[in-house]
PDB file of N, CA and C in Angstrom:
ATOM      1  N   MET A   1    -134.623  -0.349 -92.241  1.00  0.00           N
ATOM      2  CA  MET A   1    -133.640   0.859 -91.452  1.00  0.00           C
ATOM      3  C   MET A   1    -132.637   1.129 -92.726  1.00  0.00           C
ATOM      4  N   ARG A   2    -132.283  -0.220 -93.677  1.00  0.00           N
ATOM      5  CA  ARG A   2    -131.007   0.431 -94.757  1.00  0.00           C
ATOM      6  C   ARG A   2    -131.691   1.480 -95.493  1.00  0.00           C
ATOM      7  N   PHE A   3    -133.046   1.595 -95.697  1.00  0.00           N
ATOM      8  CA  PHE A   3    -133.613   2.188 -96.859  1.00  0.00           C
ATOM      9  C   PHE A   3    -133.156   3.750 -96.166  1.00  0.00           C
ATOM     10  N   VAL A   4    -133.850   3.935 -94.778  1.00  0.00           N
ATOM     11  CA  VAL A   4    -133.831   4.984 -94.323  1.00  0.00           C
ATOM     12  C   VAL A   4    -132.319   5.852 -94.350  1.00  0.00           C
ATOM     13  N   LEU A   5    -131.711   4.742 -93.848  1.00  0.00           N
ATOM     14  CA  LEU A   5    -130.012   5.302 -93.781  1.00  0.00           C
ATOM     15  C   LEU A   5    -129.672   5.772 -95.062  1.00  0.00           C
ATOM     16  N   VAL A   6    -129.625   5.138 -96.176  1.00  0.00           N
ATOM     17  CA  VAL A   6    -129.585   5.419 -97.444  1.00  0.00           C
ATOM     18  C   VAL A   6    -129.786   6.754 -98.000  1.00  0.00           C
ATOM     19  N   ALA A   7    -131.333   6.685 -97.765  1.00  0.00           N
ATOM     20  CA  ALA A   7    -132.025   7.733 -98.130  1.00  0.00           C
ATOM     21  C   ALA A   7    -131.389   8.953 -97.389  1.00  0.00           C
ATOM     22  N   LEU A   8    -130.965   8.971 -96.094  1.00  0.00           N
ATOM     23  CA  LEU A   8    -130.346  10.447 -95.109  1.00  0.00           C
ATOM     24  C   LEU A   8    -129.227  10.551 -95.872  1.00  0.00           C
ATOM     25  N   THR A   9    -128.095   9.734 -96.027  1.00  0.00           N
ATOM     26  CA  THR A   9    -127.272   9.746 -96.705  1.00  0.00           C
ATOM     27  C   THR A   9    -127.214  10.497 -97.916  1.00  0.00           C
ATOM     28  N   LEU A  10    -128.213  10.070 -98.710  1.00  0.00           N
ATOM     29  CA  LEU A  10    -128.293  10.736-100.084  1.00  0.00           C
ATOM     30  C   LEU A  10    -128.685  12.198-100.222  1.00  0.00           C
ATOM     31  N   ASN A  11    -129.625  12.633 -99.192  1.00  0.00           N
ATOM     32  CA  ASN A  11    -130.083  13.744 -98.525  1.00  0.00           C
ATOM     33  C   ASN A  11    -128.847  14.750 -98.714  1.00  0.00           C
ATOM     34  N   HIS A  12    -128.340  13.931 -97.692  1.00  0.00           N
ATOM     35  CA  HIS A  12    -127.056  15.054 -97.028  1.00  0.00           C
ATOM     36  C   HIS A  12    -126.289  15.208 -98.675  1.00  0.00           C
ATOM     37  N   PHE A  13    -126.036  14.390 -99.482  1.00  0.00           N
ATOM     38  CA  PHE A  13    -124.898  14.602-100.407  1.00  0.00           C
ATOM     39  C   PHE A  13    -125.574  15.677-101.483  1.00  0.00           C
ATOM     40  N   ILE A  14    -126.870  15.709-101.787  1.00  0.00           N
ATOM     41  CA  ILE A  14    -127.644  16.800-102.261  1.00  0.00           C
ATOM     42  C   ILE A  14    -127.540  17.729-101.821  1.00  0.00           C
ATOM     43  N   TYR A  15    -127.420  17.904-100.405  1.00  0.00           N
ATOM     44  CA  TYR A  15    -127.140  19.413 -99.741  1.00  0.00           C
ATOM     45  C   TYR A  15    -125.876  19.705-100.122  1.00  0.00           C
ATOM     46  N   LEU A  16    -125.272  18.940-100.050  1.00  0.00           N
ATOM     47  CA  LEU A  16    -123.434  19.432 -99.921  1.00  0.00           C
ATOM     48  C   LEU A  16    -122.945  19.588-101.363  1.00  0.00           C
ATOM     49  N   TYR A  17    -123.763  18.808-102.284  1.00  0.00           N
ATOM     50  CA  TYR A  17    -123.572  18.977-103.684  1.00  0.00           C
ATOM     51  C   TYR A  17    -123.949  20.849-104.426  1.00  0.00           C
ATOM     52  N   PHE A  18    -125.320  20.804-103.641  1.00  0.00           N
ATOM     53  CA  PHE A  18    -125.468  22.267-103.907  1.00  0.00           C
ATOM     54  C   PHE A  18    -124.757  23.306-103.466  1.00  0.00           C
ATOM     55  N   GLU A  19    -124.271  23.039-102.170  1.00  0.00           N
ATOM     56  CA  GLU A  19    -123.127  23.926-101.408  1.00  0.00           C
ATOM     57  C   GLU A  19    -121.834  24.191-102.300  1.00  0.00           C
ATOM     58  N   TYR A  20    -121.244  23.093-102.808  1.00  0.00           N
ATOM     59  CA  TYR A  20    -120.216  22.787-103.589  1.00  0.00           C
ATOM     60  C   TYR A  20    -120.649  23.741-104.871  1.00  0.00           C
ATOM     61  N   PHE A  21    -121.664  23.551-105.451  1.00  0.00           N
ATOM     62  CA  PHE A  21    -121.840  23.990-107.051  1.00  0.00           C
ATOM     63  C   PHE A  21    -122.077  25.479-106.629  1.00  0.00           C
ATOM     64  N   ILE A  22    -122.632  26.154-105.967  1.00  0.00           N
ATOM     65  CA  ILE A  22    -122.729  27.594-105.641  1.00  0.00           C
ATOM     66  C   ILE A  22    -121.601  28.338-105.279  1.00  0.00           C
ATOM     67  N   ASP A  23    -120.640  27.468-104.685  1.00  0.00           N
ATOM     68  CA  ASP A  23    -119.502  27.666-104.180  1.00  0.00           C
ATOM     69  C   ASP A  23    -118.345  28.042-105.363  1.00  0.00           C
ATOM     70  N   GLY A  24    -118.762  26.792-106.544  1.00  0.00           N
ATOM     71  CA  GLY A  24    -117.884  27.081-107.462  1.00  0.00           C
ATOM     72  C   GLY A  24    -118.286  28.177-108.781  1.00  0.00           C
ATOM     73  N   VAL A  25    -119.746  28.181-108.950  1.00  0.00           N
ATOM     74  CA  VAL A  25    -120.045  29.506-109.377  1.00  0.00           C
ATOM     75  C   VAL A  25    -119.515  30.885-108.875  1.00  0.00           C
ATOM     76  N   MET A  26    -119.461  30.937-107.607  1.00  0.00           N
ATOM     77  CA  MET A  26    -119.064  32.396-106.941  1.00  0.00           C
ATOM     78  C   MET A  26    -117.610  32.384-107.379  1.00  0.00           C
ATOM     79  N   SER A  27    -116.809  31.367-107.310  1.00  0.00           N
ATOM     80  CA  SER A  27    -115.207  31.275-107.514  1.00  0.00           C
ATOM     81  C   SER A  27    -115.143  31.600-109.142  1.00  0.00           C
ATOM     82  N   ASN A  28    -115.861  31.726-109.735  1.00  0.00           N
ATOM     83  CA  ASN A  28    -115.583  31.963-111.116  1.00  0.00           C
ATOM     84  C   ASN A  28    -115.893  33.340-111.271  1.00  0.00           C
ATOM     85  N   PRO A  29    -115.262  34.477-111.861  1.00  0.00           N
ATOM     86  CA  PRO A  29    -115.414  35.417-112.070  1.00  0.00           C
ATOM     87  C   PRO A  29    -116.733  35.946-113.319  1.00  0.00           C
ATOM     88  N   SER A  30    -116.653  35.003-114.107  1.00  0.00           N
ATOM     89  CA  SER A  30    -117.411  35.200-114.966  1.00  0.00           C
ATOM     90  C   SER A  30    -118.695  34.571-115.197  1.00  0.00           C
ATOM     91  N   GLU A  31    -119.179  33.943-113.928  1.00  0.00           N
ATOM     92  CA  GLU A  31    -120.288  33.330-113.700  1.00  0.00           C
ATOM     93  C   GLU A  31    -120.781  33.856-112.405  1.00  0.00           C
ATOM     94  N   ALA A  32    -120.175  34.652-111.374  1.00  0.00           N
ATOM     95  CA  ALA A  32    -120.524  34.816-110.205  1.00  0.00           C
ATOM     96  C   ALA A  32    -121.686  35.869-109.821  1.00  0.00           C
ATOM     97  N   GLY A  33    -122.152  36.549-111.160  1.00  0.00           N
ATOM     98  CA  GLY A  33    -123.396  37.193-111.018  1.00  0.00           C
ATOM     99  C   GLY A  33    -124.654  36.408-111.113  1.00  0.00           C
ATOM    100  N   GLN A  34    -124.407  35.185-111.406  1.00  0.00           N
ATOM    101  CA  GLN A  34    -125.515  33.991-111.472  1.00  0.00           C
ATOM    102  C   GLN A  34    -125.734  33.334-109.795  1.00  0.00           C
ATOM    103  N   ALA A  35    -124.728  33.698-109.250  1.00  0.00           N
ATOM    104  CA  ALA A  35    -124.771  32.854-108.086  1.00  0.00           C
ATOM    105  C   ALA A  35    -125.761  33.286-106.987  1.00  0.00           C
ATOM    106  N   PRO A  36    -126.331  34.485-107.142  1.00  0.00           N
ATOM    107  CA  PRO A  36    -127.603  34.875-106.131  1.00  0.00           C
ATOM    108  C   PRO A  36    -128.779  34.054-106.817  1.00  0.00           C
ATOM    109  N   GLY A  37    -129.085  34.077-107.968  1.00  0.00           N
ATOM    110  CA  GLY A  37    -130.097  33.246-108.820  1.00  0.00           C
ATOM    111  C   GLY A  37    -130.284  31.892-108.441  1.00  0.00           C
ATOM    112  N   TYR A  38    -129.144  31.278-108.790  1.00  0.00           N
ATOM    113  CA  TYR A  38    -129.209  29.639-107.960  1.00  0.00           C
ATOM    114  C   TYR A  38    -129.408  29.472-106.709  1.00  0.00           C
ATOM    115  N   GLY A  39    -128.833  30.765-105.970  1.00  0.00           N
ATOM    116  CA  GLY A  39    -129.061  30.142-104.414  1.00  0.00           C
ATOM    117  C   GLY A  39    -130.598  30.825-104.167  1.00  0.00           C
ATOM    118  N   MET A  40    -131.629  31.909-104.929  1.00  0.00           N
ATOM    119  CA  MET A  40    -132.916  31.859-104.651  1.00  0.00           C
ATOM    120  C   MET A  40    -133.558  30.469-105.260  1.00  0.00           C
ATOM    121  N   VAL A  41    -133.146  29.965-106.132  1.00  0.00           N
ATOM    122  CA  VAL A  41    -133.674  29.036-106.758  1.00  0.00           C
ATOM    123  C   VAL A  41    -133.649  27.920-105.635  1.00  0.00           C
ATOM    124  N   TYR A  42    -132.708  27.686-105.241  1.00  0.00           N
ATOM    125  CA  TYR A  42    -132.304  26.281-104.122  1.00  0.00           C
ATOM    126  C   TYR A  42    -132.883  26.713-103.131  1.00  0.00           C
ATOM    127  N   SER A  43    -132.904  27.646-102.546  1.00  0.00           N
ATOM    128  CA  SER A  43    -133.597  28.123-101.100  1.00  0.00           C
ATOM    129  C   SER A  43    -135.319  28.399-101.359  1.00  0.00           C
ATOM    130  N   LEU A  44    -135.817  28.882-102.385  1.00  0.00           N
ATOM    131  CA  LEU A  44    -137.265  28.792-102.584  1.00  0.00           C
ATOM    132  C   LEU A  44    -138.007  27.413-103.189  1.00  0.00           C
ATOM    133  N   LEU A  45    -137.207  26.677-103.856  1.00  0.00           N
ATOM    134  CA  LEU A  45    -137.831  25.568-104.492  1.00  0.00           C
ATOM    135  C   LEU A  45    -137.427  24.091-103.911  1.00  0.00           C
ATOM    136  N   LEU A  46    -135.998  24.005-103.932  1.00  0.00           N
ATOM    137  CA  LEU A  46    -135.575  22.658-103.437  1.00  0.00           C
ATOM    138  C   LEU A  46    -135.551  22.761-101.864  1.00  0.00           C
ATOM    139  N   PHE A  47    -134.901  23.656-101.185  1.00  0.00           N
ATOM    140  CA  PHE A  47    -134.335  23.589 -99.475  1.00  0.00           C
ATOM    141  C   PHE A  47    -136.029  23.422 -99.115  1.00  0.00           C
ATOM    142  N   PRO A  48    -137.199  23.549 -99.325  1.00  0.00           N
ATOM    143  CA  PRO A  48    -138.178  23.303 -98.210  1.00  0.00           C
ATOM    144  C   PRO A  48    -138.573  21.806 -98.612  1.00  0.00           C
ATOM    145  N   PHE A  49    -138.633  21.407 -99.584  1.00  0.00           N
ATOM    146  CA  PHE A  49    -138.597  20.025-100.210  1.00  0.00           C
ATOM    147  C   PHE A  49    -137.732  19.161 -99.436  1.00  0.00           C
ATOM    148  N   GLN A  50    -135.751  19.558 -99.575  1.00  0.00           N
ATOM    149  CA  GLN A  50    -135.251  18.615 -98.498  1.00  0.00           C
ATOM    150  C   GLN A  50    -135.544  18.851 -97.046  1.00  0.00           C
ATOM    151  N   LEU A  51    -135.971  19.927 -96.544  1.00  0.00           N
ATOM    152  CA  LEU A  51    -135.752  20.025 -95.422  1.00  0.00           C
ATOM    153  C   LEU A  51    -136.994  19.035 -94.586  1.00  0.00           C
ATOM    154  N   PHE A  52    -138.428  18.984 -95.808  1.00  0.00           N
ATOM    155  CA  PHE A  52    -139.261  18.395 -95.211  1.00  0.00           C
ATOM    156  C   PHE A  52    -138.873  16.651 -95.304  1.00  0.00           C
ATOM    157  N   LEU A  53    -138.147  16.212 -96.168  1.00  0.00           N
ATOM    158  CA  LEU A  53    -137.605  14.780 -96.609  1.00  0.00           C
ATOM    159  C   LEU A  53    -136.664  14.581 -95.225  1.00  0.00           C
ATOM    160  N   GLU A  54    -135.955  15.707 -94.910  1.00  0.00           N
ATOM    161  CA  GLU A  54    -135.180  15.267 -93.841  1.00  0.00           C
ATOM    162  C   GLU A  54    -135.873  14.920 -92.518  1.00  0.00           C
ATOM    163  N   LEU A  55    -136.591  15.704 -92.226  1.00  0.00           N
ATOM    164  CA  LEU A  55    -137.569  15.491 -91.196  1.00  0.00           C
ATOM    165  C   LEU A  55    -138.229  13.935 -90.796  1.00  0.00           C
ATOM    166  N   VAL A  56    -138.705  13.976 -92.428  1.00  0.00           N
ATOM    167  CA  VAL A  56    -139.603  12.845 -91.974  1.00  0.00           C
ATOM    168  C   VAL A  56    -138.507  11.275 -92.170  1.00  0.00           C
ATOM    169  N   LEU A  57    -137.707  11.640 -92.746  1.00  0.00           N
ATOM    170  CA  LEU A  57    -136.436  10.635 -92.593  1.00  0.00           C
ATOM    171  C   LEU A  57    -135.812  10.480 -91.078  1.00  0.00           C
ATOM    172  N   ILE A  58    -135.794  11.524 -90.457  1.00  0.00           N
ATOM    173  CA  ILE A  58    -135.239  11.484 -89.104  1.00  0.00           C
ATOM    174  C   ILE A  58    -136.386  10.730 -88.017  1.00  0.00           C
ATOM    175  N   VAL A  59    -137.762  11.206 -88.538  1.00  0.00           N
ATOM    176  CA  VAL A  59    -138.735  10.513 -87.511  1.00  0.00           C
ATOM    177  C   VAL A  59    -138.999   8.570 -87.950  1.00  0.00           C
ATOM    178  N   ALA A  60    -138.582   8.843 -89.146  1.00  0.00           N
ATOM    179  CA  ALA A  60    -138.827   7.320 -89.799  1.00  0.00           C
ATOM    180  C   ALA A  60    -137.511   6.276 -88.823  1.00  0.00           C
ATOM    181  N   LEU A  61    -136.373   7.453 -88.847  1.00  0.00           N
ATOM    182  CA  LEU A  61    -134.985   6.872 -88.347  1.00  0.00           C
ATOM    183  C   LEU A  61    -135.405   6.424 -86.821  1.00  0.00           C
ATOM    184  N   LEU A  62    -136.093   7.382 -86.151  1.00  0.00           N
ATOM    185  CA  LEU A  62    -136.355   6.969 -84.801  1.00  0.00           C
ATOM    186  C   LEU A  62    -137.643   6.149 -84.394  1.00  0.00           C
ATOM    187  N   TYR A  63    -138.458   5.927 -85.268  1.00  0.00           N
ATOM    188  CA  TYR A  63    -139.557   5.016 -85.436  1.00  0.00           C
ATOM    189  C   TYR A  63    -138.975   3.554 -85.370  1.00  0.00           C
ATOM    190  N   GLN A  64    -137.786   3.350 -86.415  1.00  0.00           N
ATOM    191  CA  GLN A  64    -137.387   2.233 -86.768  1.00  0.00           C
ATOM    192  C   GLN A  64    -136.363   1.609 -85.608  1.00  0.00           C
ATOM    193  N   THR A  65    -135.570   2.622 -84.864  1.00  0.00           N
ATOM    194  CA  THR A  65    -134.804   2.102 -83.602  1.00  0.00           C
ATOM    195  C   THR A  65    -135.530   2.421 -82.540  1.00  0.00           C
ATOM    196  N   LEU A  66    -136.498   3.092 -82.112  1.00  0.00           N
ATOM    197  CA  LEU A  66    -137.028   3.151 -80.635  1.00  0.00           C
ATOM    198  C   LEU A  66    -138.574   2.117 -80.684  1.00  0.00           C
ATOM    199  N   ILE A  67    -139.170   2.222 -81.970  1.00  0.00           N
ATOM    200  CA  ILE A  67    -140.234   1.268 -81.680  1.00  0.00           C
ATOM    201  C   ILE A  67    -140.264   0.171 -82.182  1.00  0.00           C
ATOM    202  N   VAL A  68    -139.885   0.231 -83.344  1.00  0.00           N
ATOM    203  CA  VAL A  68    -139.601  -1.234 -83.767  1.00  0.00           C
ATOM    204  C   VAL A  68    -138.541  -1.999 -83.744  1.00  0.00           C
ATOM    205  N   ARG A  69    -137.489  -1.304 -83.065  1.00  0.00           N
ATOM    206  CA  ARG A  69    -136.406  -1.745 -82.453  1.00  0.00           C
ATOM    207  C   ARG A  69    -135.539  -2.787 -83.606  1.00  0.00           C
ATOM    208  N   GLN A  70    -135.556  -1.884 -84.646  1.00  0.00           N
ATOM    209  CA  GLN A  70    -134.632  -2.559 -85.982  1.00  0.00           C
ATOM    210  C   GLN A  70    -133.697  -1.574 -86.427  1.00  0.00           C
ATOM    211  N   TRP A  71    -132.376  -1.945 -85.639  1.00  0.00           N
ATOM    212  CA  TRP A  71    -131.182  -0.935 -85.774  1.00  0.00           C
ATOM    213  C   TRP A  71    -130.504  -1.821 -86.883  1.00  0.00           C
ATOM    214  N   LYS A  72    -130.526  -3.015 -87.430  1.00  0.00           N
ATOM    215  CA  LYS A  72    -129.642  -3.929 -87.864  1.00  0.00           C
ATOM    216  C   LYS A  72    -129.245  -3.105 -89.543  1.00  0.00           C
ATOM    217  N   GLY A  73    -128.391  -2.396 -89.575  1.00  0.00           N
ATOM    218  CA  GLY A  73    -127.568  -2.092 -90.506  1.00  0.00           C
ATOM    219  C   GLY A  73    -126.086  -2.382 -90.859  1.00  0.00           C
ATOM    220  N   SER A  74    -125.758  -2.763 -92.058  1.00  0.00           N
ATOM    221  CA  SER A  74    -124.302  -2.788 -92.196  1.00  0.00           C
ATOM    222  C   SER A  74    -123.615  -1.309 -91.635  1.00  0.00           C
ATOM    223  N   ILE A  75    -122.520  -1.609 -91.365  1.00  0.00           N
ATOM    224  CA  ILE A  75    -121.549  -0.258 -91.056  1.00  0.00           C
ATOM    225  C   ILE A  75    -121.615   0.692 -92.008  1.00  0.00           C
ATOM    226  N   TRP A  76    -121.690   0.250 -93.414  1.00  0.00           N
ATOM    227  CA  TRP A  76    -121.322   1.117 -94.504  1.00  0.00           C
ATOM    228  C   TRP A  76    -122.917   1.803 -94.646  1.00  0.00           C
ATOM    229  N   TYR A  77    -123.682   1.809 -93.990  1.00  0.00           N
ATOM    230  CA  TYR A  77    -125.161   2.345 -93.987  1.00  0.00           C
ATOM    231  C   TYR A  77    -124.884   3.361 -92.808  1.00  0.00           C
ATOM    232  N   TRP A  78    -124.241   2.881 -91.584  1.00  0.00           N
ATOM    233  CA  TRP A  78    -124.255   3.847 -90.479  1.00  0.00           C
ATOM    234  C   TRP A  78    -122.992   4.479 -90.319  1.00  0.00           C
ATOM    235  N   SER A  79    -121.689   4.392 -91.482  1.00  0.00           N
ATOM    236  CA  SER A  79    -120.790   5.257 -91.331  1.00  0.00           C
ATOM    237  C   SER A  79    -121.125   6.693 -91.551  1.00  0.00           C
ATOM    238  N   PRO A  80    -121.881   7.094 -92.209  1.00  0.00           N
ATOM    239  CA  PRO A  80    -121.906   8.545 -92.567  1.00  0.00           C
ATOM    240  C   PRO A  80    -122.531   9.205 -91.540  1.00  0.00           C
ATOM    241  N   PHE A  81    -122.945   8.609 -90.212  1.00  0.00           N
ATOM    242  CA  PHE A  81    -123.341   9.134 -88.977  1.00  0.00           C
ATOM    243  C   PHE A  81    -122.318   8.862 -87.962  1.00  0.00           C
ATOM    244  N   TYR A  82    -121.145   8.571 -88.559  1.00  0.00           N
ATOM    245  CA  TYR A  82    -120.575   8.556 -87.042  1.00  0.00           C
ATOM    246  C   TYR A  82    -119.120   9.913 -87.063  1.00  0.00           C
TER     247      TYR A  82
END
């Protein structure tokens, strides 16, 4: 269970990192022209893999909680979901 929660949290942090990275590029006038390129690379190459990983991890989380009934995890692992 801890692995699934940590992997979900890291996956969300990766998504937020790219969001802030592209926002940072857009706010810089000298690099604003490169932002659409970064957005296209992310949306075509990284986002489909990240979405697939998110769906697999959600299924694993549901499997752990509903079928295996193993939801024991420290509050630090559950805290990003509150």
